[in-house]
Amino acid sequence: MTILWFVLFAACAWGPLIWHNIAVSKRIAHEEKKAGRDLTNEINPFTGGR
C-alpha cells in the first residue's frame, strides 16, 4: 500500500512538470518555425533579448 501512495504522489508531482515542459517546447518550436530562425536569445528577455 505504501508503494501505491508513493507512485500516486510521484505521478501528481512529476506529471504537471513534464506536461509544462512539453507545452513550452512545442510553443517555442512553433514560434521559431513561424519566424524562420533560431530565437534562443530572444524569447527570454533575461538572456539577452532585443
N, C-alpha and C. Protein backbone atom coordinates (compact mmCIF):
# COMPACT_ATOMS: atom_id res chain seq x y z
N MET A 1 0.82 -1.19 0.00
CA MET A 1 0.00 0.00 0.00
C MET A 1 0.87 1.27 0.00
N THR A 2 2.00 1.21 0.67
CA THR A 2 2.89 2.36 0.70
C THR A 2 3.43 2.67 -0.69
N ILE A 3 3.74 1.63 -1.44
CA ILE A 3 4.24 1.81 -2.81
C ILE A 3 3.18 2.50 -3.66
N LEU A 4 1.93 2.12 -3.49
CA LEU A 4 0.85 2.74 -4.25
C LEU A 4 0.77 4.24 -3.97
N TRP A 5 0.86 4.63 -2.71
CA TRP A 5 0.82 6.06 -2.37
C TRP A 5 2.03 6.80 -2.94
N PHE A 6 3.18 6.15 -2.90
CA PHE A 6 4.39 6.77 -3.45
C PHE A 6 4.25 6.99 -4.96
N VAL A 7 3.76 6.00 -5.67
CA VAL A 7 3.58 6.11 -7.12
C VAL A 7 2.54 7.18 -7.43
N LEU A 8 1.47 7.21 -6.69
CA LEU A 8 0.43 8.22 -6.91
C LEU A 8 0.96 9.63 -6.65
N PHE A 9 1.70 9.80 -5.57
CA PHE A 9 2.29 11.10 -5.26
C PHE A 9 3.29 11.52 -6.34
N ALA A 10 4.12 10.58 -6.77
CA ALA A 10 5.12 10.89 -7.80
C ALA A 10 4.44 11.30 -9.10
N ALA A 11 3.37 10.62 -9.47
CA ALA A 11 2.66 10.98 -10.70
C ALA A 11 2.03 12.37 -10.57
N CYS A 12 1.49 12.68 -9.40
CA CYS A 12 0.88 14.01 -9.19
C CYS A 12 1.93 15.11 -9.17
N ALA A 13 3.13 14.79 -8.72
CA ALA A 13 4.19 15.79 -8.64
C ALA A 13 4.90 15.98 -9.98
N TRP A 14 5.22 14.91 -10.66
CA TRP A 14 6.01 15.00 -11.89
C TRP A 14 5.16 15.19 -13.14
N GLY A 15 3.92 14.74 -13.12
CA GLY A 15 3.06 14.87 -14.30
C GLY A 15 2.92 16.30 -14.80
N PRO A 16 2.52 17.24 -13.95
CA PRO A 16 2.39 18.63 -14.42
C PRO A 16 3.71 19.24 -14.87
N LEU A 17 4.80 18.88 -14.24
CA LEU A 17 6.11 19.42 -14.65
C LEU A 17 6.47 18.95 -16.05
N ILE A 18 6.26 17.68 -16.31
CA ILE A 18 6.56 17.14 -17.63
C ILE A 18 5.63 17.75 -18.67
N TRP A 19 4.35 17.86 -18.33
CA TRP A 19 3.36 18.46 -19.24
C TRP A 19 3.75 19.89 -19.58
N HIS A 20 4.18 20.65 -18.59
CA HIS A 20 4.58 22.05 -18.80
C HIS A 20 5.79 22.14 -19.73
N ASN A 21 6.79 21.30 -19.51
CA ASN A 21 7.98 21.33 -20.36
C ASN A 21 7.65 20.98 -21.80
N ILE A 22 6.77 20.02 -22.00
CA ILE A 22 6.37 19.66 -23.36
C ILE A 22 5.63 20.82 -24.02
N ALA A 23 4.74 21.47 -23.28
CA ALA A 23 3.97 22.59 -23.83
C ALA A 23 4.87 23.76 -24.20
N VAL A 24 5.83 24.08 -23.35
CA VAL A 24 6.74 25.18 -23.64
C VAL A 24 7.61 24.85 -24.85
N SER A 25 8.08 23.62 -24.94
CA SER A 25 8.91 23.22 -26.07
C SER A 25 8.14 23.30 -27.38
N LYS A 26 6.88 22.87 -27.36
CA LYS A 26 6.06 22.95 -28.57
C LYS A 26 5.81 24.40 -28.95
N ARG A 27 5.59 25.26 -27.97
CA ARG A 27 5.35 26.68 -28.25
C ARG A 27 6.58 27.34 -28.86
N ILE A 28 7.76 27.05 -28.30
CA ILE A 28 8.99 27.62 -28.83
C ILE A 28 9.25 27.12 -30.24
N ALA A 29 9.04 25.83 -30.49
CA ALA A 29 9.24 25.28 -31.83
C ALA A 29 8.30 25.95 -32.83
N HIS A 30 7.05 26.18 -32.41
CA HIS A 30 6.10 26.85 -33.30
C HIS A 30 6.54 28.28 -33.61
N GLU A 31 6.97 29.01 -32.59
CA GLU A 31 7.42 30.40 -32.80
C GLU A 31 8.65 30.46 -33.70
N GLU A 32 9.59 29.52 -33.51
CA GLU A 32 10.79 29.50 -34.35
C GLU A 32 10.44 29.16 -35.79
N LYS A 33 9.50 28.23 -35.99
CA LYS A 33 9.10 27.87 -37.34
C LYS A 33 8.42 29.06 -38.01
N LYS A 34 7.59 29.79 -37.26
CA LYS A 34 6.89 30.96 -37.80
C LYS A 34 7.89 32.06 -38.16
N ALA A 35 8.92 32.26 -37.32
CA ALA A 35 9.91 33.30 -37.58
C ALA A 35 10.93 32.86 -38.62
N GLY A 36 11.11 31.56 -38.80
CA GLY A 36 12.06 31.06 -39.77
C GLY A 36 13.50 31.16 -39.32
N ARG A 37 13.72 31.27 -38.03
CA ARG A 37 15.09 31.36 -37.49
C ARG A 37 15.11 30.92 -36.04
N ASP A 38 16.32 30.81 -35.51
CA ASP A 38 16.50 30.40 -34.12
C ASP A 38 16.26 31.60 -33.20
N LEU A 39 15.38 31.43 -32.23
CA LEU A 39 15.03 32.53 -31.31
C LEU A 39 15.58 32.29 -29.90
N THR A 40 16.65 31.54 -29.78
CA THR A 40 17.17 31.14 -28.47
C THR A 40 17.40 32.33 -27.55
N ASN A 41 18.05 33.37 -28.03
CA ASN A 41 18.39 34.51 -27.17
C ASN A 41 17.34 35.60 -27.19
N GLU A 42 16.21 35.37 -27.83
CA GLU A 42 15.22 36.43 -27.94
C GLU A 42 13.92 36.12 -27.20
N ILE A 43 13.67 34.88 -26.86
CA ILE A 43 12.40 34.53 -26.22
C ILE A 43 12.40 34.97 -24.76
N ASN A 44 13.49 34.74 -24.05
CA ASN A 44 13.57 35.12 -22.64
C ASN A 44 14.28 36.47 -22.54
N PRO A 45 13.62 37.51 -22.05
CA PRO A 45 14.24 38.83 -22.00
C PRO A 45 15.43 38.91 -21.06
N PHE A 46 15.58 37.93 -20.17
CA PHE A 46 16.69 37.97 -19.23
C PHE A 46 17.97 37.34 -19.79
N THR A 47 17.90 36.80 -21.02
CA THR A 47 19.08 36.17 -21.60
C THR A 47 19.59 36.92 -22.82
N GLY A 48 19.31 38.20 -22.90
CA GLY A 48 19.85 38.99 -23.99
C GLY A 48 18.87 39.26 -25.10
N GLY A 49 17.59 39.24 -24.82
CA GLY A 49 16.61 39.52 -25.85
C GLY A 49 16.66 40.97 -26.30
N ARG A 50 16.19 41.23 -27.50
CA ARG A 50 16.22 42.60 -28.04
C ARG A 50 14.95 43.33 -27.74
